[in-house]
């Protein structure tokens, strides 16, 4: 695959620590200011590791019956939520290392969970519905059935939630559940990301394309030609660059000015199998990509989307998720063999 290993990262990626969970590492995130990395696995376990050393802080085996499907860190960094195949959402206290609240969402899998930017609302999707809960865990509202299983959820602001499913993206008022906007397109939408200002909606489609709308005009466009489904999407903090998977290359579209319509995207090549996850650092133009080949690459991008790899490492299996520490000085990767690997990130 490569002569790069987790013990010999290259360039800006410097050796940090690695740990293991019981099964496929599904989802995770950094708590507080990076003091801990929490991970959920396919066996339903939830794990917390010291952010600096990787030492085990606590473990809760089989917290979810059947497996963890999603995780969301509260904006305060002092709590997080996990969602699972058992139809429940668990809200955890980081300091207490215990479940603070149990929310029974339904009998189906809870595939997505997300906190509003102000931490006041918690959204969860279960089959064709999305439900929003208050700080006390009480249900505030639930949607009518979508045309299909909800494939993605995201907050466009503290007061508005977006959902994606077959044929449409819908925006709901956070406090009432009233529909504010519906953007339609004939096709199965499998992923979604919103620009930081909530103006641009980009979705990966089952037909190997990326479809996006500008909400102010409801104008839609399509980016086609991907060899696989673009399930990995990420905007940078300015909303100017959209990075997409959908093949071995990382494709970057530039939204500066009148773009990306009528322009050619930038293709970044280093992976040898399909890109599975993408994450921009919170500040600056650093993009991390992970793929089925187990490679993790850090790219330094310019305003036009052009860029170069500045760090590379390898994990044991398919990269399932990447998480930048809030200060941008460390990067965590989860993989299909249950690995959690953290590298320090240098200036190079």
C-alpha atoms as a PDB file:
ATOM      1  CA  UNK A   1       0.000   0.000   0.000  1.00  0.00           C
ATOM      2  CA  UNK A   2       2.754   2.411   1.028  1.00  0.00           C
ATOM      3  CA  UNK A   3       5.934   2.539   3.060  1.00  0.00           C
ATOM      4  CA  UNK A   4       4.326   5.146   5.272  1.00  0.00           C
ATOM      5  CA  UNK A   5       3.181   3.889   8.673  1.00  0.00           C
ATOM      6  CA  UNK A   6       1.594   5.321  11.769  1.00  0.00           C
ATOM      7  CA  UNK A   7       5.067   5.131  13.316  1.00  0.00           C
ATOM      8  CA  UNK A   8       6.646   7.149  10.520  1.00  0.00           C
ATOM      9  CA  UNK A   9       4.359  10.008   9.527  1.00  0.00           C
ATOM     10  CA  UNK A  10       5.825  12.426   7.012  1.00  0.00           C
ATOM     11  CA  UNK A  11       6.024  16.193   6.752  1.00  0.00           C
ATOM     12  CA  UNK A  12       3.698  18.247   8.948  1.00  0.00           C
ATOM     13  CA  UNK A  13       2.293  15.155  10.668  1.00  0.00           C
ATOM     14  CA  UNK A  14       4.388  14.300  13.720  1.00  0.00           C
ATOM     15  CA  UNK A  15       4.143  11.192  15.856  1.00  0.00           C
ATOM     16  CA  UNK A  16       1.485  11.457  18.551  1.00  0.00           C
ATOM     17  CA  UNK A  17      -0.361   8.462  19.967  1.00  0.00           C
ATOM     18  CA  UNK A  18      -2.602   5.588  18.962  1.00  0.00           C
ATOM     19  CA  UNK A  19      -5.205   3.529  20.793  1.00  0.00           C
ATOM     20  CA  UNK A  20      -7.814   0.904  20.013  1.00  0.00           C
ATOM     21  CA  UNK A  21     -11.522   0.461  20.625  1.00  0.00           C
ATOM     22  CA  UNK A  22     -13.465  -2.790  20.512  1.00  0.00           C
ATOM     23  CA  UNK A  23     -14.749  -2.677  16.931  1.00  0.00           C
ATOM     24  CA  UNK A  24     -14.981  -0.494  13.817  1.00  0.00           C
ATOM     25  CA  UNK A  25     -14.475   3.090  15.028  1.00  0.00           C
ATOM     26  CA  UNK A  26     -17.590   4.828  13.707  1.00  0.00           C
ATOM     27  CA  UNK A  27     -17.563   8.387  15.062  1.00  0.00           C
ATOM     28  CA  UNK A  28     -15.836  10.622  17.576  1.00  0.00           C
ATOM     29  CA  UNK A  29     -14.702  14.123  18.404  1.00  0.00           C
ATOM     30  CA  UNK A  30     -12.609  16.366  20.639  1.00  0.00           C
ATOM     31  CA  UNK A  31     -14.106  17.589  23.901  1.00  0.00           C
ATOM     32  CA  UNK A  32     -13.366  20.835  25.745  1.00  0.00           C
ATOM     33  CA  UNK A  33     -10.223  22.362  24.207  1.00  0.00           C
ATOM     34  CA  UNK A  34      -8.835  19.025  23.100  1.00  0.00           C
ATOM     35  CA  UNK A  35      -8.400  17.587  26.581  1.00  0.00           C
ATOM     36  CA  UNK A  36     -10.083  14.347  25.493  1.00  0.00           C
ATOM     37  CA  UNK A  37     -10.911  12.401  22.348  1.00  0.00           C
ATOM     38  CA  UNK A  38     -14.143  10.412  22.547  1.00  0.00           C
ATOM     39  CA  UNK A  39     -14.914   7.525  20.171  1.00  0.00           C
ATOM     40  CA  UNK A  40     -17.938   5.313  19.527  1.00  0.00           C
ATOM     41  CA  UNK A  41     -17.643   1.908  17.858  1.00  0.00           C
ATOM     42  CA  UNK A  42     -19.755  -0.559  15.907  1.00  0.00           C
ATOM     43  CA  UNK A  43     -20.183  -2.778  18.978  1.00  0.00           C
ATOM     44  CA  UNK A  44     -21.915   0.038  20.863  1.00  0.00           C
ATOM     45  CA  UNK A  45     -18.984   1.013  23.059  1.00  0.00           C
ATOM     46  CA  UNK A  46     -18.037   4.588  23.985  1.00  0.00           C
ATOM     47  CA  UNK A  47     -14.426   5.392  24.860  1.00  0.00           C
ATOM     48  CA  UNK A  48     -12.617   8.477  26.153  1.00  0.00           C
ATOM     49  CA  UNK A  49      -8.868   9.011  25.790  1.00  0.00           C
ATOM     50  CA  UNK A  50      -6.614  11.671  27.242  1.00  0.00           C
ATOM     51  CA  UNK A  51      -6.013  14.117  24.403  1.00  0.00           C
ATOM     52  CA  UNK A  52      -2.269  14.502  24.999  1.00  0.00           C
ATOM     53  CA  UNK A  53      -1.144  11.020  25.983  1.00  0.00           C
ATOM     54  CA  UNK A  54      -3.838   8.735  24.580  1.00  0.00           C
ATOM     55  CA  UNK A  55      -4.237   7.057  27.970  1.00  0.00           C
ATOM     56  CA  UNK A  56      -7.659   5.543  28.531  1.00  0.00           C
ATOM     57  CA  UNK A  57      -9.821   7.901  30.614  1.00  0.00           C
ATOM     58  CA  UNK A  58     -12.937   5.719  30.724  1.00  0.00           C
ATOM     59  CA  UNK A  59     -14.821   3.047  28.777  1.00  0.00           C
ATOM     60  CA  UNK A  60     -18.513   2.165  28.617  1.00  0.00           C
ATOM     61  CA  UNK A  61     -18.998  -1.117  26.781  1.00  0.00           C
ATOM     62  CA  UNK A  62     -22.286  -1.777  24.950  1.00  0.00           C
ATOM     63  CA  UNK A  63     -23.668   1.663  25.736  1.00  0.00           C
ATOM     64  CA  UNK A  64     -25.832   1.237  22.629  1.00  0.00           C
ATOM     65  CA  UNK A  65     -27.348  -2.141  21.858  1.00  0.00           C
ATOM     66  CA  UNK A  66     -26.302  -2.992  18.279  1.00  0.00           C
ATOM     67  CA  UNK A  67     -23.749  -0.236  17.760  1.00  0.00           C
ATOM     68  CA  UNK A  68     -23.058   3.482  17.714  1.00  0.00           C
ATOM     69  CA  UNK A  69     -24.033   5.240  14.477  1.00  0.00           C
ATOM     70  CA  UNK A  70     -23.255   8.912  15.141  1.00  0.00           C
ATOM     71  CA  UNK A  71     -21.771  11.296  17.680  1.00  0.00           C
ATOM     72  CA  UNK A  72     -21.974  15.058  18.204  1.00  0.00           C
ATOM     73  CA  UNK A  73     -19.924  17.204  20.580  1.00  0.00           C
ATOM     74  CA  UNK A  74     -21.836  19.936  22.419  1.00  0.00           C
ATOM     75  CA  UNK A  75     -20.560  23.439  21.493  1.00  0.00           C
ATOM     76  CA  UNK A  76     -19.427  23.948  25.088  1.00  0.00           C
ATOM     77  CA  UNK A  77     -17.192  20.898  24.786  1.00  0.00           C
ATOM     78  CA  UNK A  78     -18.383  19.624  28.156  1.00  0.00           C
ATOM     79  CA  UNK A  79     -20.934  17.113  26.843  1.00  0.00           C
ATOM     80  CA  UNK A  80     -21.591  14.986  23.791  1.00  0.00           C
ATOM     81  CA  UNK A  81     -24.395  12.917  22.321  1.00  0.00           C
ATOM     82  CA  UNK A  82     -24.281   9.451  20.793  1.00  0.00           C
ATOM     83  CA  UNK A  83     -26.925   7.836  18.596  1.00  0.00           C
ATOM     84  CA  UNK A  84     -27.341   4.153  17.924  1.00  0.00           C
ATOM     85  CA  UNK A  85     -29.078   1.204  16.377  1.00  0.00           C
ATOM     86  CA  UNK A  86     -31.164   0.827  19.538  1.00  0.00           C
ATOM     87  CA  UNK A  87     -33.273   3.881  18.665  1.00  0.00           C
ATOM     88  CA  UNK A  88     -31.798   5.960  21.483  1.00  0.00           C
ATOM     89  CA  UNK A  89     -29.736   9.122  21.883  1.00  0.00           C
ATOM     90  CA  UNK A  90     -27.513   9.279  24.963  1.00  0.00           C
ATOM     91  CA  UNK A  91     -26.234  12.607  26.286  1.00  0.00           C
ATOM     92  CA  UNK A  92     -22.950  12.217  28.164  1.00  0.00           C
ATOM     93  CA  UNK A  93     -21.133  14.493  30.592  1.00  0.00           C
ATOM     94  CA  UNK A  94     -17.416  14.552  29.898  1.00  0.00           C
ATOM     95  CA  UNK A  95     -16.396  15.268  33.496  1.00  0.00           C
ATOM     96  CA  UNK A  96     -18.891  12.824  34.980  1.00  0.00           C
ATOM     97  CA  UNK A  97     -18.025  10.108  32.439  1.00  0.00           C
ATOM     98  CA  UNK A  98     -21.646   9.040  32.658  1.00  0.00           C
ATOM     99  CA  UNK A  99     -24.891   9.247  30.717  1.00  0.00           C
ATOM    100  CA  UNK A 100     -26.769  12.348  31.852  1.00  0.00           C
ATOM    101  CA  UNK A 101     -29.851  11.842  29.714  1.00  0.00           C
ATOM    102  CA  UNK A 102     -31.466   9.014  27.741  1.00  0.00           C
ATOM    103  CA  UNK A 103     -33.728   9.968  24.829  1.00  0.00           C
ATOM    104  CA  UNK A 104     -35.873   7.263  23.259  1.00  0.00           C
ATOM    105  CA  UNK A 105     -36.242   8.473  19.688  1.00  0.00           C
ATOM    106  CA  UNK A 106     -38.021   5.505  18.115  1.00  0.00           C
ATOM    107  CA  UNK A 107     -37.833   1.868  17.167  1.00  0.00           C
ATOM    108  CA  UNK A 108     -35.603   2.469  14.115  1.00  0.00           C
ATOM    109  CA  UNK A 109     -31.916   3.305  13.952  1.00  0.00           C
ATOM    110  CA  UNK A 110     -30.944   6.853  14.893  1.00  0.00           C
ATOM    111  CA  UNK A 111     -28.469   7.563  12.107  1.00  0.00           C
ATOM    112  CA  UNK A 112     -27.694  11.256  12.608  1.00  0.00           C
ATOM    113  CA  UNK A 113     -27.418  13.583  15.581  1.00  0.00           C
ATOM    114  CA  UNK A 114     -26.376  17.249  15.727  1.00  0.00           C
ATOM    115  CA  UNK A 115     -26.318  20.094  18.266  1.00  0.00           C
ATOM    116  CA  UNK A 116     -27.383  23.576  17.236  1.00  0.00           C
ATOM    117  CA  UNK A 117     -24.482  26.084  17.227  1.00  0.00           C
ATOM    118  CA  UNK A 118     -25.682  27.613  20.507  1.00  0.00           C
ATOM    119  CA  UNK A 119     -26.189  24.203  22.129  1.00  0.00           C
ATOM    120  CA  UNK A 120     -29.857  24.892  22.842  1.00  0.00           C
ATOM    121  CA  UNK A 121     -31.286  22.228  20.537  1.00  0.00           C
ATOM    122  CA  UNK A 122     -30.374  18.639  19.728  1.00  0.00           C
ATOM    123  CA  UNK A 123     -31.586  17.168  16.430  1.00  0.00           C
ATOM    124  CA  UNK A 124     -31.770  13.467  15.626  1.00  0.00           C
ATOM    125  CA  UNK A 125     -33.003  11.612  12.566  1.00  0.00           C
ATOM    126  CA  UNK A 126     -34.772   8.274  12.753  1.00  0.00           C
ATOM    127  CA  UNK A 127     -35.906   6.654   9.524  1.00  0.00           C
ATOM    128  CA  UNK A 128     -38.020   9.248   7.641  1.00  0.00           C
ATOM    129  CA  UNK A 129     -38.369  11.720  10.506  1.00  0.00           C
ATOM    130  CA  UNK A 130     -36.206  14.305  12.213  1.00  0.00           C
ATOM    131  CA  UNK A 131     -36.892  15.263  15.822  1.00  0.00           C
ATOM    132  CA  UNK A 132     -35.622  18.196  17.861  1.00  0.00           C
ATOM    133  CA  UNK A 133     -35.099  18.120  21.623  1.00  0.00           C
ATOM    134  CA  UNK A 134     -34.517  20.851  24.177  1.00  0.00           C
ATOM    135  CA  UNK A 135     -31.759  21.160  26.737  1.00  0.00           C
ATOM    136  CA  UNK A 136     -33.756  19.005  29.170  1.00  0.00           C
ATOM    137  CA  UNK A 137     -34.113  16.201  26.636  1.00  0.00           C
ATOM    138  CA  UNK A 138     -37.787  16.854  26.058  1.00  0.00           C
ATOM    139  CA  UNK A 139     -39.091  16.592  22.515  1.00  0.00           C
ATOM    140  CA  UNK A 140     -39.875  20.015  21.043  1.00  0.00           C
ATOM    141  CA  UNK A 141     -41.176  18.859  17.671  1.00  0.00           C
ATOM    142  CA  UNK A 142     -40.941  16.114  15.076  1.00  0.00           C
ATOM    143  CA  UNK A 143     -41.282  16.385  11.330  1.00  0.00           C
ATOM    144  CA  UNK A 144     -43.772  14.646   9.103  1.00  0.00           C
ATOM    145  CA  UNK A 145     -42.356  11.724   7.162  1.00  0.00           C
ATOM    146  CA  UNK A 146     -39.829  12.658   4.504  1.00  0.00           C
ATOM    147  CA  UNK A 147     -40.101  10.968   1.061  1.00  0.00           C
ATOM    148  CA  UNK A 148     -37.322   8.584   2.113  1.00  0.00           C
ATOM    149  CA  UNK A 149     -34.952   7.899   4.991  1.00  0.00           C
ATOM    150  CA  UNK A 150     -33.252  11.107   6.090  1.00  0.00           C
ATOM    151  CA  UNK A 151     -29.695  10.876   4.730  1.00  0.00           C
ATOM    152  CA  UNK A 152     -28.154  13.928   6.426  1.00  0.00           C
ATOM    153  CA  UNK A 153     -28.919  16.732   8.873  1.00  0.00           C
ATOM    154  CA  UNK A 154     -27.098  20.020   9.530  1.00  0.00           C
ATOM    155  CA  UNK A 155     -27.732  23.312  11.309  1.00  0.00           C
ATOM    156  CA  UNK A 156     -27.594  26.364   9.040  1.00  0.00           C
ATOM    157  CA  UNK A 157     -27.778  28.610  12.122  1.00  0.00           C
ATOM    158  CA  UNK A 158     -28.840  28.385  15.751  1.00  0.00           C
ATOM    159  CA  UNK A 159     -32.443  28.797  14.641  1.00  0.00           C
ATOM    160  CA  UNK A 160     -32.662  26.612  11.560  1.00  0.00           C
ATOM    161  CA  UNK A 161     -32.158  22.927  10.771  1.00  0.00           C
ATOM    162  CA  UNK A 162     -31.649  21.371   7.337  1.00  0.00           C
ATOM    163  CA  UNK A 163     -32.382  17.791   6.284  1.00  0.00           C
ATOM    164  CA  UNK A 164     -31.621  15.876   3.097  1.00  0.00           C
ATOM    165  CA  UNK A 165     -33.415  12.861   1.625  1.00  0.00           C
ATOM    166  CA  UNK A 166     -34.528  11.598  -1.762  1.00  0.00           C
ATOM    167  CA  UNK A 167     -35.345  14.537  -4.004  1.00  0.00           C
ATOM    168  CA  UNK A 168     -35.072  17.452  -1.612  1.00  0.00           C
ATOM    169  CA  UNK A 169     -33.369  19.515   1.075  1.00  0.00           C
ATOM    170  CA  UNK A 170     -35.721  21.032   3.668  1.00  0.00           C
ATOM    171  CA  UNK A 171     -35.101  23.832   6.172  1.00  0.00           C
ATOM    172  CA  UNK A 172     -37.074  23.903   9.432  1.00  0.00           C
ATOM    173  CA  UNK A 173     -37.486  26.536  12.127  1.00  0.00           C
ATOM    174  CA  UNK A 174     -35.622  25.196  15.163  1.00  0.00           C
ATOM    175  CA  UNK A 175     -38.210  26.115  17.774  1.00  0.00           C
ATOM    176  CA  UNK A 176     -41.445  25.290  15.940  1.00  0.00           C
ATOM    177  CA  UNK A 177     -40.575  22.783  13.210  1.00  0.00           C
ATOM    178  CA  UNK A 178     -42.285  24.989  10.631  1.00  0.00           C
ATOM    179  CA  UNK A 179     -40.895  24.482   7.138  1.00  0.00           C
ATOM    180  CA  UNK A 180     -39.035  27.569   5.930  1.00  0.00           C
ATOM    181  CA  UNK A 181     -37.701  26.411   2.572  1.00  0.00           C
ATOM    182  CA  UNK A 182     -37.699  23.358   0.327  1.00  0.00           C
ATOM    183  CA  UNK A 183     -35.127  22.840  -2.436  1.00  0.00           C
ATOM    184  CA  UNK A 184     -36.032  20.058  -4.846  1.00  0.00           C
ATOM    185  CA  UNK A 185     -34.071  17.943  -7.288  1.00  0.00           C
ATOM    186  CA  UNK A 186     -34.921  14.571  -8.773  1.00  0.00           C
ATOM    187  CA  UNK A 187     -32.359  12.196  -7.329  1.00  0.00           C
ATOM    188  CA  UNK A 188     -31.190  10.409  -4.189  1.00  0.00           C
ATOM    189  CA  UNK A 189     -29.107  12.724  -1.991  1.00  0.00           C
ATOM    190  CA  UNK A 190     -26.631  10.753   0.133  1.00  0.00           C
ATOM    191  CA  UNK A 191     -24.629  13.510   1.854  1.00  0.00           C
ATOM    192  CA  UNK A 192     -24.940  17.207   2.640  1.00  0.00           C
ATOM    193  CA  UNK A 193     -22.816  20.129   3.783  1.00  0.00           C
ATOM    194  CA  UNK A 194     -23.726  23.795   4.289  1.00  0.00           C
ATOM    195  CA  UNK A 195     -21.442  26.776   3.816  1.00  0.00           C
ATOM    196  CA  UNK A 196     -20.648  28.546   7.116  1.00  0.00           C
ATOM    197  CA  UNK A 197     -23.121  31.346   6.366  1.00  0.00           C
ATOM    198  CA  UNK A 198     -25.842  28.845   5.437  1.00  0.00           C
ATOM    199  CA  UNK A 199     -26.244  30.290   1.933  1.00  0.00           C
ATOM    200  CA  UNK A 200     -24.912  27.363  -0.112  1.00  0.00           C
ATOM    201  CA  UNK A 201     -26.161  23.778   0.191  1.00  0.00           C
ATOM    202  CA  UNK A 202     -24.091  21.017  -1.414  1.00  0.00           C
ATOM    203  CA  UNK A 203     -25.208  17.388  -1.608  1.00  0.00           C
ATOM    204  CA  UNK A 204     -23.590  14.242  -2.923  1.00  0.00           C
ATOM    205  CA  UNK A 205     -25.946  12.198  -5.067  1.00  0.00           C
ATOM    206  CA  UNK A 206     -26.429   8.510  -5.772  1.00  0.00           C
ATOM    207  CA  UNK A 207     -25.785   9.218  -9.465  1.00  0.00           C
ATOM    208  CA  UNK A 208     -22.123  10.153  -8.769  1.00  0.00           C
ATOM    209  CA  UNK A 209     -22.647  13.916  -8.882  1.00  0.00           C
ATOM    210  CA  UNK A 210     -22.628  16.862  -6.474  1.00  0.00           C
ATOM    211  CA  UNK A 211     -25.708  19.053  -6.555  1.00  0.00           C
ATOM    212  CA  UNK A 212     -25.784  22.494  -4.947  1.00  0.00           C
ATOM    213  CA  UNK A 213     -28.150  25.405  -4.439  1.00  0.00           C
ATOM    214  CA  UNK A 214     -27.797  29.061  -3.539  1.00  0.00           C
ATOM    215  CA  UNK A 215     -30.615  29.584  -1.075  1.00  0.00           C
ATOM    216  CA  UNK A 216     -31.158  33.281  -1.760  1.00  0.00           C
ATOM    217  CA  UNK A 217     -32.038  32.599  -5.407  1.00  0.00           C
ATOM    218  CA  UNK A 218     -32.863  28.866  -5.164  1.00  0.00           C
ATOM    219  CA  UNK A 219     -30.638  28.507  -8.223  1.00  0.00           C
ATOM    220  CA  UNK A 220     -29.288  24.992  -8.533  1.00  0.00           C
ATOM    221  CA  UNK A 221     -26.298  23.493 -10.343  1.00  0.00           C
ATOM    222  CA  UNK A 222     -24.727  20.085 -10.756  1.00  0.00           C
ATOM    223  CA  UNK A 223     -21.113  18.928 -10.739  1.00  0.00           C
ATOM    224  CA  UNK A 224     -20.875  15.586 -12.517  1.00  0.00           C
ATOM    225  CA  UNK A 225     -18.220  13.126 -13.650  1.00  0.00           C
ATOM    226  CA  UNK A 226     -17.296  11.521 -10.336  1.00  0.00           C
ATOM    227  CA  UNK A 227     -16.405   7.809 -10.533  1.00  0.00           C
ATOM    228  CA  UNK A 228     -18.175   7.069  -7.218  1.00  0.00           C
ATOM    229  CA  UNK A 229     -20.767   8.565  -4.870  1.00  0.00           C
ATOM    230  CA  UNK A 230     -19.447  11.795  -3.287  1.00  0.00           C
ATOM    231  CA  UNK A 231     -20.183  10.888   0.315  1.00  0.00           C
ATOM    232  CA  UNK A 232     -17.376  13.094   1.682  1.00  0.00           C
ATOM    233  CA  UNK A 233     -17.937  16.868   1.491  1.00  0.00           C
ATOM    234  CA  UNK A 234     -16.378  19.790   3.387  1.00  0.00           C
ATOM    235  CA  UNK A 235     -16.430  23.603   3.205  1.00  0.00           C
ATOM    236  CA  UNK A 236     -13.566  25.684   4.540  1.00  0.00           C
ATOM    237  CA  UNK A 237     -14.343  28.307   7.198  1.00  0.00           C
ATOM    238  CA  UNK A 238     -14.728  31.081   4.619  1.00  0.00           C
ATOM    239  CA  UNK A 239     -17.224  29.138   2.500  1.00  0.00           C
ATOM    240  CA  UNK A 240     -15.061  29.790  -0.554  1.00  0.00           C
ATOM    241  CA  UNK A 241     -13.733  26.269  -1.113  1.00  0.00           C
ATOM    242  CA  UNK A 242     -15.758  23.054  -1.280  1.00  0.00           C
ATOM    243  CA  UNK A 243     -13.743  19.830  -1.100  1.00  0.00           C
ATOM    244  CA  UNK A 244     -15.415  16.667  -2.365  1.00  0.00           C
ATOM    245  CA  UNK A 245     -14.635  12.961  -2.541  1.00  0.00           C
ATOM    246  CA  UNK A 246     -16.234  10.619  -5.048  1.00  0.00           C
ATOM    247  CA  UNK A 247     -13.075   8.903  -6.269  1.00  0.00           C
ATOM    248  CA  UNK A 248      -9.354   8.629  -5.601  1.00  0.00           C
ATOM    249  CA  UNK A 249      -8.841  12.375  -6.108  1.00  0.00           C
ATOM    250  CA  UNK A 250      -9.863  15.170  -3.752  1.00  0.00           C
ATOM    251  CA  UNK A 251     -11.782  17.621  -5.957  1.00  0.00           C
ATOM    252  CA  UNK A 252     -11.877  21.257  -4.828  1.00  0.00           C
ATOM    253  CA  UNK A 253     -14.435  23.715  -6.199  1.00  0.00           C
ATOM    254  CA  UNK A 254     -13.906  27.458  -5.873  1.00  0.00           C
ATOM    255  CA  UNK A 255     -16.904  29.615  -4.896  1.00  0.00           C
ATOM    256  CA  UNK A 256     -15.057  32.945  -4.979  1.00  0.00           C
ATOM    257  CA  UNK A 257     -16.769  35.549  -7.159  1.00  0.00           C
ATOM    258  CA  UNK A 258     -19.134  33.982  -9.669  1.00  0.00           C
ATOM    259  CA  UNK A 259     -17.682  30.464  -9.328  1.00  0.00           C
ATOM    260  CA  UNK A 260     -17.851  27.570  -9.479  1.00  0.00           C
ATOM    261  CA  UNK A 261     -20.130  27.660 -12.544  1.00  0.00           C
ATOM    262  CA  UNK A 262     -18.070  27.872 -15.708  1.00  0.00           C
ATOM    263  CA  UNK A 263     -14.818  26.978 -13.963  1.00  0.00           C
ATOM    264  CA  UNK A 264     -12.736  23.823 -13.698  1.00  0.00           C
ATOM    265  CA  UNK A 265     -12.137  22.303 -10.275  1.00  0.00           C
ATOM    266  CA  UNK A 266      -8.751  21.463  -8.810  1.00  0.00           C
ATOM    267  CA  UNK A 267      -7.927  17.765  -8.438  1.00  0.00           C
ATOM    268  CA  UNK A 268      -5.533  16.702  -5.691  1.00  0.00           C
ATOM    269  CA  UNK A 269      -3.945  13.288  -6.253  1.00  0.00           C
ATOM    270  CA  UNK A 270      -2.209  11.123  -3.690  1.00  0.00           C
ATOM    271  CA  UNK A 271      -4.748   8.533  -2.543  1.00  0.00           C
ATOM    272  CA  UNK A 272      -4.912   5.271  -4.472  1.00  0.00           C
ATOM    273  CA  UNK A 273      -8.416   4.295  -3.367  1.00  0.00           C
ATOM    274  CA  UNK A 274     -11.691   6.174  -2.865  1.00  0.00           C
ATOM    275  CA  UNK A 275     -11.693   9.146  -0.500  1.00  0.00           C
ATOM    276  CA  UNK A 276     -13.947   8.419   2.492  1.00  0.00           C
ATOM    277  CA  UNK A 277     -13.697  11.535   4.684  1.00  0.00           C
ATOM    278  CA  UNK A 278     -12.637  15.193   4.484  1.00  0.00           C
ATOM    279  CA  UNK A 279     -12.133  17.856   7.158  1.00  0.00           C
ATOM    280  CA  UNK A 280     -10.885  21.439   7.026  1.00  0.00           C
ATOM    281  CA  UNK A 281      -8.992  22.857   9.997  1.00  0.00           C
ATOM    282  CA  UNK A 282     -10.946  25.518  11.878  1.00  0.00           C
ATOM    283  CA  UNK A 283      -8.554  28.264  10.793  1.00  0.00           C
ATOM    284  CA  UNK A 284      -6.482  28.588   7.640  1.00  0.00           C
ATOM    285  CA  UNK A 285      -6.611  26.565   4.449  1.00  0.00           C
ATOM    286  CA  UNK A 286      -5.501  23.162   5.705  1.00  0.00           C
ATOM    287  CA  UNK A 287      -7.532  20.189   4.507  1.00  0.00           C
ATOM    288  CA  UNK A 288      -7.250  16.624   5.796  1.00  0.00           C
ATOM    289  CA  UNK A 289      -8.362  13.702   3.640  1.00  0.00           C
ATOM    290  CA  UNK A 290      -8.695  10.011   4.412  1.00  0.00           C
ATOM    291  CA  UNK A 291      -9.434   7.110   2.089  1.00  0.00           C
ATOM    292  CA  UNK A 292     -10.061   3.401   1.741  1.00  0.00           C
ATOM    293  CA  UNK A 293      -6.296   2.975   1.252  1.00  0.00           C
ATOM    294  CA  UNK A 294      -5.720   3.928   4.897  1.00  0.00           C
ATOM    295  CA  UNK A 295      -3.818   7.058   3.954  1.00  0.00           C
ATOM    296  CA  UNK A 296      -4.308  10.320   5.786  1.00  0.00           C
ATOM    297  CA  UNK A 297      -3.078  13.381   3.910  1.00  0.00           C
ATOM    298  CA  UNK A 298      -2.896  17.004   5.022  1.00  0.00           C
ATOM    299  CA  UNK A 299      -3.037  19.527   2.183  1.00  0.00           C
ATOM    300  CA  UNK A 300      -2.141  23.208   2.252  1.00  0.00           C
ATOM    301  CA  UNK A 301      -4.513  25.024  -0.104  1.00  0.00           C
ATOM    302  CA  UNK A 302      -4.417  28.472  -1.634  1.00  0.00           C
ATOM    303  CA  UNK A 303      -7.357  30.760  -2.251  1.00  0.00           C
ATOM    304  CA  UNK A 304      -7.858  29.333  -5.764  1.00  0.00           C
ATOM    305  CA  UNK A 305      -8.070  25.766  -4.406  1.00  0.00           C
ATOM    306  CA  UNK A 306      -4.661  24.732  -5.682  1.00  0.00           C
ATOM    307  CA  UNK A 307      -2.497  23.075  -3.091  1.00  0.00           C
ATOM    308  CA  UNK A 308       0.152  20.580  -2.105  1.00  0.00           C
ATOM    309  CA  UNK A 309       0.389  17.704   0.358  1.00  0.00           C
ATOM    310  CA  UNK A 310       2.343  18.762   3.448  1.00  0.00           C
ATOM    311  CA  UNK A 311       1.826  15.667   5.603  1.00  0.00           C
ATOM    312  CA  UNK A 312       1.023  11.993   5.108  1.00  0.00           C
ATOM    313  CA  UNK A 313       0.556   8.947   7.341  1.00  0.00           C
ATOM    314  CA  UNK A 314      -1.043   5.520   7.167  1.00  0.00           C
ATOM    315  CA  UNK A 315      -3.505   3.799   9.483  1.00  0.00           C
ATOM    316  CA  UNK A 316      -4.406   0.129   9.648  1.00  0.00           C
ATOM    317  CA  UNK A 317      -7.560   0.138   7.528  1.00  0.00           C
ATOM    318  CA  UNK A 318     -10.210   2.315   5.867  1.00  0.00           C
ATOM    319  CA  UNK A 319     -10.244   5.827   7.355  1.00  0.00           C
ATOM    320  CA  UNK A 320     -13.748   6.307   8.758  1.00  0.00           C
ATOM    321  CA  UNK A 321     -13.440   9.848  10.160  1.00  0.00           C
ATOM    322  CA  UNK A 322     -11.012  12.722  10.698  1.00  0.00           C
ATOM    323  CA  UNK A 323     -11.188  15.355  13.444  1.00  0.00           C
ATOM    324  CA  UNK A 324      -8.996  18.424  13.831  1.00  0.00           C
ATOM    325  CA  UNK A 325      -8.338  19.447  17.408  1.00  0.00           C
ATOM    326  CA  UNK A 326      -9.940  22.880  17.936  1.00  0.00           C
ATOM    327  CA  UNK A 327      -6.565  24.650  17.945  1.00  0.00           C
ATOM    328  CA  UNK A 328      -5.568  22.982  14.651  1.00  0.00           C
ATOM    329  CA  UNK A 329      -2.369  21.591  16.139  1.00  0.00           C
ATOM    330  CA  UNK A 330      -3.428  17.940  16.191  1.00  0.00           C
ATOM    331  CA  UNK A 331      -5.423  15.641  13.916  1.00  0.00           C
ATOM    332  CA  UNK A 332      -7.269  12.454  14.911  1.00  0.00           C
ATOM    333  CA  UNK A 333      -8.171   9.598  12.561  1.00  0.00           C
ATOM    334  CA  UNK A 334     -10.519   6.680  13.176  1.00  0.00           C
ATOM    335  CA  UNK A 335     -10.312   3.479  11.168  1.00  0.00           C
ATOM    336  CA  UNK A 336     -12.226   0.312  10.375  1.00  0.00           C
ATOM    337  CA  UNK A 337     -10.046  -1.900  12.585  1.00  0.00           C
ATOM    338  CA  UNK A 338     -10.952   0.150  15.651  1.00  0.00           C
ATOM    339  CA  UNK A 339      -7.880   2.341  15.631  1.00  0.00           C
ATOM    340  CA  UNK A 340      -7.800   5.902  16.964  1.00  0.00           C
ATOM    341  CA  UNK A 341      -4.622   7.695  15.894  1.00  0.00           C
ATOM    342  CA  UNK A 342      -3.564  11.223  16.756  1.00  0.00           C
ATOM    343  CA  UNK A 343      -0.730  13.182  15.176  1.00  0.00           C
ATOM    344  CA  UNK A 344       0.707  16.516  16.175  1.00  0.00           C
ATOM    345  CA  UNK A 345       0.573  18.922  13.234  1.00  0.00           C
ATOM    346  CA  UNK A 346       3.579  21.144  12.581  1.00  0.00           C
ATOM    347  CA  UNK A 347       3.914  24.348  10.592  1.00  0.00           C
ATOM    348  CA  UNK A 348       5.310  22.765   7.453  1.00  0.00           C
END
